[in-house]
């Protein structure tokens, strides 16, 4: 069981997530990491969150889809 789950909207958010991982490790906090887009796959995200034992969720969302028209 992880205390914290870090969820990124896309793999391109990885550099930001790495900073979060460093901080969590520094403080001895267990964490899980998932890449799940809330916009493209909301059902999968909902299922994951409901099944998770994490007490805290950190969501990281970048601009990977912002330039799409």
PDB file of N, CA and C in Angstrom:
ATOM      1  N   UNK A   1       0.842  -1.187   0.000  1.00  0.00           N
ATOM      2  CA  UNK A   1       0.000   0.000   0.000  1.00  0.00           C
ATOM      3  C   UNK A   1       0.879   1.240   0.000  1.00  0.00           C
ATOM      4  N   UNK A   2       0.567   2.161  -0.859  1.00  0.00           N
ATOM      5  CA  UNK A   2       1.285   3.427  -0.935  1.00  0.00           C
ATOM      6  C   UNK A   2       0.484   4.507  -0.207  1.00  0.00           C
ATOM      7  N   UNK A   3       1.200   5.368   0.489  1.00  0.00           N
ATOM      8  CA  UNK A   3       0.526   6.482   1.170  1.00  0.00           C
ATOM      9  C   UNK A   3       0.028   7.521   0.174  1.00  0.00           C
ATOM     10  N   UNK A   4       0.796   7.697  -0.910  1.00  0.00           N
ATOM     11  CA  UNK A   4       0.505   8.733  -1.901  1.00  0.00           C
ATOM     12  C   UNK A   4       0.485   8.107  -3.283  1.00  0.00           C
ATOM     13  N   UNK A   5      -0.439   8.554  -4.115  1.00  0.00           N
ATOM     14  CA  UNK A   5      -0.433   8.185  -5.524  1.00  0.00           C
ATOM     15  C   UNK A   5      -0.244   9.446  -6.339  1.00  0.00           C
ATOM     16  N   UNK A   6       0.722   9.400  -7.245  1.00  0.00           N
ATOM     17  CA  UNK A   6       0.988  10.503  -8.161  1.00  0.00           C
ATOM     18  C   UNK A   6       0.404  10.095  -9.505  1.00  0.00           C
ATOM     19  N   UNK A   7      -0.511  10.911 -10.026  1.00  0.00           N
ATOM     20  CA  UNK A   7      -1.159  10.615 -11.294  1.00  0.00           C
ATOM     21  C   UNK A   7      -0.843  11.728 -12.276  1.00  0.00           C
ATOM     22  N   UNK A   8      -0.266  11.346 -13.407  1.00  0.00           N
ATOM     23  CA  UNK A   8       0.034  12.295 -14.476  1.00  0.00           C
ATOM     24  C   UNK A   8      -0.946  12.093 -15.618  1.00  0.00           C
ATOM     25  N   UNK A   9      -1.281  13.185 -16.270  1.00  0.00           N
ATOM     26  CA  UNK A   9      -2.182  13.109 -17.406  1.00  0.00           C
ATOM     27  C   UNK A   9      -1.533  12.507 -18.633  1.00  0.00           C
ATOM     28  N   UNK A  10      -0.207  12.636 -18.739  1.00  0.00           N
ATOM     29  CA  UNK A  10       0.519  12.042 -19.857  1.00  0.00           C
ATOM     30  C   UNK A  10       1.969  11.830 -19.448  1.00  0.00           C
ATOM     31  N   UNK A  11       2.653  11.000 -20.213  1.00  0.00           N
ATOM     32  CA  UNK A  11       4.060  10.707 -19.921  1.00  0.00           C
ATOM     33  C   UNK A  11       4.930  11.954 -20.035  1.00  0.00           C
ATOM     34  N   UNK A  12       4.486  12.939 -20.808  1.00  0.00           N
ATOM     35  CA  UNK A  12       5.270  14.171 -20.956  1.00  0.00           C
ATOM     36  C   UNK A  12       5.343  14.971 -19.654  1.00  0.00           C
ATOM     37  N   UNK A  13       4.528  14.611 -18.679  1.00  0.00           N
ATOM     38  CA  UNK A  13       4.560  15.273 -17.367  1.00  0.00           C
ATOM     39  C   UNK A  13       5.612  14.655 -16.452  1.00  0.00           C
ATOM     40  N   UNK A  14       6.351  13.676 -16.956  1.00  0.00           N
ATOM     41  CA  UNK A  14       7.357  12.962 -16.178  1.00  0.00           C
ATOM     42  C   UNK A  14       8.373  13.843 -15.461  1.00  0.00           C
ATOM     43  N   UNK A  15       8.926  14.877 -16.115  1.00  0.00           N
ATOM     44  CA  UNK A  15       9.905  15.728 -15.426  1.00  0.00           C
ATOM     45  C   UNK A  15       9.345  16.398 -14.162  1.00  0.00           C
ATOM     46  N   UNK A  16       8.093  16.773 -14.190  1.00  0.00           N
ATOM     47  CA  UNK A  16       7.471  17.371 -12.998  1.00  0.00           C
ATOM     48  C   UNK A  16       7.280  16.289 -11.939  1.00  0.00           C
ATOM     49  N   UNK A  17       6.839  15.110 -12.375  1.00  0.00           N
ATOM     50  CA  UNK A  17       6.633  13.997 -11.442  1.00  0.00           C
ATOM     51  C   UNK A  17       7.939  13.618 -10.755  1.00  0.00           C
ATOM     52  N   UNK A  18       9.044  13.649 -11.469  1.00  0.00           N
ATOM     53  CA  UNK A  18      10.342  13.300 -10.884  1.00  0.00           C
ATOM     54  C   UNK A  18      10.671  14.195  -9.691  1.00  0.00           C
ATOM     55  N   UNK A  19      10.319  15.452  -9.776  1.00  0.00           N
ATOM     56  CA  UNK A  19      10.547  16.383  -8.654  1.00  0.00           C
ATOM     57  C   UNK A  19       9.701  15.972  -7.450  1.00  0.00           C
ATOM     58  N   UNK A  20       8.486  15.538  -7.718  1.00  0.00           N
ATOM     59  CA  UNK A  20       7.597  15.074  -6.650  1.00  0.00           C
ATOM     60  C   UNK A  20       8.174  13.816  -6.009  1.00  0.00           C
ATOM     61  N   UNK A  21       8.639  12.876  -6.848  1.00  0.00           N
ATOM     62  CA  UNK A  21       9.217  11.633  -6.327  1.00  0.00           C
ATOM     63  C   UNK A  21      10.406  11.919  -5.419  1.00  0.00           C
ATOM     64  N   UNK A  22      11.266  12.850  -5.839  1.00  0.00           N
ATOM     65  CA  UNK A  22      12.438  13.205  -5.027  1.00  0.00           C
ATOM     66  C   UNK A  22      12.019  13.688  -3.642  1.00  0.00           C
ATOM     67  N   UNK A  23      11.012  14.534  -3.602  1.00  0.00           N
ATOM     68  CA  UNK A  23      10.533  15.075  -2.321  1.00  0.00           C
ATOM     69  C   UNK A  23       9.922  13.977  -1.462  1.00  0.00           C
ATOM     70  N   UNK A  24       9.112  13.109  -2.064  1.00  0.00           N
ATOM     71  CA  UNK A  24       8.490  12.020  -1.309  1.00  0.00           C
ATOM     72  C   UNK A  24       9.555  11.080  -0.748  1.00  0.00           C
ATOM     73  N   UNK A  25      10.544  10.729  -1.572  1.00  0.00           N
ATOM     74  CA  UNK A  25      11.625   9.861  -1.111  1.00  0.00           C
ATOM     75  C   UNK A  25      12.402  10.508   0.028  1.00  0.00           C
ATOM     76  N   UNK A  26      12.667  11.781  -0.106  1.00  0.00           N
ATOM     77  CA  UNK A  26      13.411  12.536   0.911  1.00  0.00           C
ATOM     78  C   UNK A  26      12.728  12.455   2.272  1.00  0.00           C
ATOM     79  N   UNK A  27      11.404  12.378   2.261  1.00  0.00           N
ATOM     80  CA  UNK A  27      10.630  12.339   3.503  1.00  0.00           C
ATOM     81  C   UNK A  27      10.162  10.934   3.868  1.00  0.00           C
ATOM     82  N   UNK A  28      10.630   9.930   3.135  1.00  0.00           N
ATOM     83  CA  UNK A  28      10.290   8.546   3.457  1.00  0.00           C
ATOM     84  C   UNK A  28       8.838   8.188   3.214  1.00  0.00           C
ATOM     85  N   UNK A  29       8.210   8.839   2.263  1.00  0.00           N
ATOM     86  CA  UNK A  29       6.798   8.594   1.966  1.00  0.00           C
ATOM     87  C   UNK A  29       6.695   7.579   0.826  1.00  0.00           C
ATOM     88  N   UNK A  30       5.921   6.530   1.048  1.00  0.00           N
ATOM     89  CA  UNK A  30       5.717   5.541  -0.012  1.00  0.00           C
ATOM     90  C   UNK A  30       4.745   6.111  -1.045  1.00  0.00           C
ATOM     91  N   UNK A  31       5.008   5.764  -2.315  1.00  0.00           N
ATOM     92  CA  UNK A  31       4.143   6.302  -3.359  1.00  0.00           C
ATOM     93  C   UNK A  31       3.997   5.321  -4.515  1.00  0.00           C
ATOM     94  N   UNK A  32       2.945   5.550  -5.270  1.00  0.00           N
ATOM     95  CA  UNK A  32       2.665   4.814  -6.484  1.00  0.00           C
ATOM     96  C   UNK A  32       2.580   5.856  -7.593  1.00  0.00           C
ATOM     97  N   UNK A  33       2.813   5.455  -8.822  1.00  0.00           N
ATOM     98  CA  UNK A  33       2.805   6.389  -9.947  1.00  0.00           C
ATOM     99  C   UNK A  33       2.006   5.793 -11.095  1.00  0.00           C
ATOM    100  N   UNK A  34       1.104   6.566 -11.630  1.00  0.00           N
ATOM    101  CA  UNK A  34       0.293   6.136 -12.771  1.00  0.00           C
ATOM    102  C   UNK A  34       0.193   7.270 -13.785  1.00  0.00           C
ATOM    103  N   UNK A  35       0.118   6.903 -15.050  1.00  0.00           N
ATOM    104  CA  UNK A  35      -0.179   7.856 -16.117  1.00  0.00           C
ATOM    105  C   UNK A  35      -1.566   7.504 -16.628  1.00  0.00           C
ATOM    106  N   UNK A  36      -2.517   8.373 -16.319  1.00  0.00           N
ATOM    107  CA  UNK A  36      -3.911   8.158 -16.733  1.00  0.00           C
ATOM    108  C   UNK A  36      -4.505   9.525 -17.062  1.00  0.00           C
ATOM    109  N   UNK A  37      -4.955   9.689 -18.261  1.00  0.00           N
ATOM    110  CA  UNK A  37      -5.551  10.956 -18.664  1.00  0.00           C
ATOM    111  C   UNK A  37      -7.000  11.050 -18.190  1.00  0.00           C
ATOM    112  N   UNK A  38      -7.288  12.071 -17.421  1.00  0.00           N
ATOM    113  CA  UNK A  38      -8.659  12.282 -16.946  1.00  0.00           C
ATOM    114  C   UNK A  38      -9.579  12.689 -18.094  1.00  0.00           C
ATOM    115  N   UNK A  39      -9.003  13.269 -19.137  1.00  0.00           N
ATOM    116  CA  UNK A  39      -9.806  13.713 -20.281  1.00  0.00           C
ATOM    117  C   UNK A  39     -10.045  12.597 -21.281  1.00  0.00           C
ATOM    118  N   UNK A  40      -9.021  11.779 -21.513  1.00  0.00           N
ATOM    119  CA  UNK A  40      -9.134  10.725 -22.518  1.00  0.00           C
ATOM    120  C   UNK A  40      -9.654   9.409 -21.964  1.00  0.00           C
ATOM    121  N   UNK A  41      -9.472   9.188 -20.674  1.00  0.00           N
ATOM    122  CA  UNK A  41      -9.849   7.898 -20.088  1.00  0.00           C
ATOM    123  C   UNK A  41     -10.420   8.080 -18.675  1.00  0.00           C
ATOM    124  N   UNK A  42     -11.487   8.871 -18.546  1.00  0.00           N
ATOM    125  CA  UNK A  42     -12.019   9.172 -17.209  1.00  0.00           C
ATOM    126  C   UNK A  42     -12.521   7.939 -16.456  1.00  0.00           C
ATOM    127  N   UNK A  43     -13.041   6.949 -17.174  1.00  0.00           N
ATOM    128  CA  UNK A  43     -13.535   5.746 -16.502  1.00  0.00           C
ATOM    129  C   UNK A  43     -12.387   4.974 -15.861  1.00  0.00           C
ATOM    130  N   UNK A  44     -11.277   4.859 -16.584  1.00  0.00           N
ATOM    131  CA  UNK A  44     -10.108   4.158 -16.037  1.00  0.00           C
ATOM    132  C   UNK A  44      -9.579   4.878 -14.807  1.00  0.00           C
ATOM    133  N   UNK A  45      -9.533   6.202 -14.870  1.00  0.00           N
ATOM    134  CA  UNK A  45      -9.063   6.983 -13.721  1.00  0.00           C
ATOM    135  C   UNK A  45      -9.988   6.778 -12.528  1.00  0.00           C
ATOM    136  N   UNK A  46     -11.269   6.828 -12.752  1.00  0.00           N
ATOM    137  CA  UNK A  46     -12.245   6.637 -11.679  1.00  0.00           C
ATOM    138  C   UNK A  46     -12.085   5.262 -11.036  1.00  0.00           C
ATOM    139  N   UNK A  47     -11.934   4.231 -11.844  1.00  0.00           N
ATOM    140  CA  UNK A  47     -11.751   2.874 -11.327  1.00  0.00           C
ATOM    141  C   UNK A  47     -10.464   2.774 -10.498  1.00  0.00           C
ATOM    142  N   UNK A  48      -9.403   3.378 -11.000  1.00  0.00           N
ATOM    143  CA  UNK A  48      -8.122   3.315 -10.294  1.00  0.00           C
ATOM    144  C   UNK A  48      -8.216   3.994  -8.929  1.00  0.00           C
ATOM    145  N   UNK A  49      -8.776   5.183  -8.903  1.00  0.00           N
ATOM    146  CA  UNK A  49      -8.875   5.940  -7.645  1.00  0.00           C
ATOM    147  C   UNK A  49      -9.753   5.195  -6.638  1.00  0.00           C
ATOM    148  N   UNK A  50     -10.860   4.656  -7.087  1.00  0.00           N
ATOM    149  CA  UNK A  50     -11.756   3.923  -6.181  1.00  0.00           C
ATOM    150  C   UNK A  50     -11.102   2.681  -5.594  1.00  0.00           C
ATOM    151  N   UNK A  51     -10.222   2.035  -6.368  1.00  0.00           N
ATOM    152  CA  UNK A  51      -9.575   0.804  -5.911  1.00  0.00           C
ATOM    153  C   UNK A  51      -8.297   1.066  -5.111  1.00  0.00           C
ATOM    154  N   UNK A  52      -7.819   2.282  -5.134  1.00  0.00           N
ATOM    155  CA  UNK A  52      -6.550   2.618  -4.485  1.00  0.00           C
ATOM    156  C   UNK A  52      -6.690   2.709  -2.969  1.00  0.00           C
ATOM    157  N   UNK A  53      -5.612   2.335  -2.269  1.00  0.00           N
ATOM    158  CA  UNK A  53      -5.560   2.481  -0.817  1.00  0.00           C
ATOM    159  C   UNK A  53      -4.843   3.764  -0.411  1.00  0.00           C
ATOM    160  N   UNK A  54      -4.415   4.554  -1.386  1.00  0.00           N
ATOM    161  CA  UNK A  54      -3.674   5.782  -1.082  1.00  0.00           C
ATOM    162  C   UNK A  54      -4.529   6.729  -0.251  1.00  0.00           C
ATOM    163  N   UNK A  55      -3.855   7.466   0.615  1.00  0.00           N
ATOM    164  CA  UNK A  55      -4.549   8.461   1.434  1.00  0.00           C
ATOM    165  C   UNK A  55      -4.489   9.841   0.802  1.00  0.00           C
ATOM    166  N   UNK A  56      -3.510  10.041  -0.089  1.00  0.00           N
ATOM    167  CA  UNK A  56      -3.317  11.329  -0.749  1.00  0.00           C
ATOM    168  C   UNK A  56      -3.098  11.082  -2.240  1.00  0.00           C
ATOM    169  N   UNK A  57      -3.702  11.921  -3.062  1.00  0.00           N
ATOM    170  CA  UNK A  57      -3.498  11.864  -4.507  1.00  0.00           C
ATOM    171  C   UNK A  57      -2.897  13.184  -4.963  1.00  0.00           C
ATOM    172  N   UNK A  58      -1.853  13.087  -5.766  1.00  0.00           N
ATOM    173  CA  UNK A  58      -1.254  14.266  -6.366  1.00  0.00           C
ATOM    174  C   UNK A  58      -1.477  14.149  -7.865  1.00  0.00           C
ATOM    175  N   UNK A  59      -2.169  15.119  -8.442  1.00  0.00           N
ATOM    176  CA  UNK A  59      -2.457  15.105  -9.890  1.00  0.00           C
ATOM    177  C   UNK A  59      -1.569  16.113 -10.578  1.00  0.00           C
ATOM    178  N   UNK A  60      -0.935  15.661 -11.648  1.00  0.00           N
ATOM    179  CA  UNK A  60      -0.074  16.528 -12.439  1.00  0.00           C
ATOM    180  C   UNK A  60      -0.630  16.536 -13.856  1.00  0.00           C
ATOM    181  N   UNK A  61      -1.004  17.700 -14.336  1.00  0.00           N
ATOM    182  CA  UNK A  61      -1.553  17.806 -15.677  1.00  0.00           C
ATOM    183  C   UNK A  61      -0.830  18.925 -16.417  1.00  0.00           C
ATOM    184  N   UNK A  62      -0.266  18.569 -17.541  1.00  0.00           N
ATOM    185  CA  UNK A  62       0.467  19.546 -18.341  1.00  0.00           C
ATOM    186  C   UNK A  62      -0.358  20.031 -19.497  1.00  0.00           C
ATOM    187  N   UNK A  63       0.339  20.397 -20.529  1.00  0.00           N
ATOM    188  CA  UNK A  63      -0.339  20.952 -21.702  1.00  0.00           C
ATOM    189  C   UNK A  63      -0.187  20.057 -22.922  1.00  0.00           C
ATOM    190  N   UNK A  64      -0.055  18.750 -22.735  1.00  0.00           N
ATOM    191  CA  UNK A  64       0.203  17.859 -23.853  1.00  0.00           C
ATOM    192  C   UNK A  64      -0.895  17.922 -24.928  1.00  0.00           C
ATOM    193  N   UNK A  65      -2.112  18.164 -24.549  1.00  0.00           N
ATOM    194  CA  UNK A  65      -3.196  18.220 -25.525  1.00  0.00           C
ATOM    195  C   UNK A  65      -3.650  19.645 -25.831  1.00  0.00           C
ATOM    196  N   UNK A  66      -3.013  20.619 -25.232  1.00  0.00           N
ATOM    197  CA  UNK A  66      -3.470  22.006 -25.371  1.00  0.00           C
ATOM    198  C   UNK A  66      -3.346  22.528 -26.784  1.00  0.00           C
ATOM    199  N   UNK A  67      -2.377  22.052 -27.545  1.00  0.00           N
ATOM    200  CA  UNK A  67      -2.177  22.578 -28.895  1.00  0.00           C
ATOM    201  C   UNK A  67      -2.994  21.843 -29.955  1.00  0.00           C
ATOM    202  N   UNK A  68      -3.693  20.811 -29.559  1.00  0.00           N
ATOM    203  CA  UNK A  68      -4.507  20.055 -30.516  1.00  0.00           C
ATOM    204  C   UNK A  68      -5.773  20.817 -30.861  1.00  0.00           C
ATOM    205  N   UNK A  69      -6.129  20.759 -32.117  1.00  0.00           N
ATOM    206  CA  UNK A  69      -7.355  21.442 -32.537  1.00  0.00           C
ATOM    207  C   UNK A  69      -8.290  20.479 -33.215  1.00  0.00           C
TER     208      UNK A  69
END
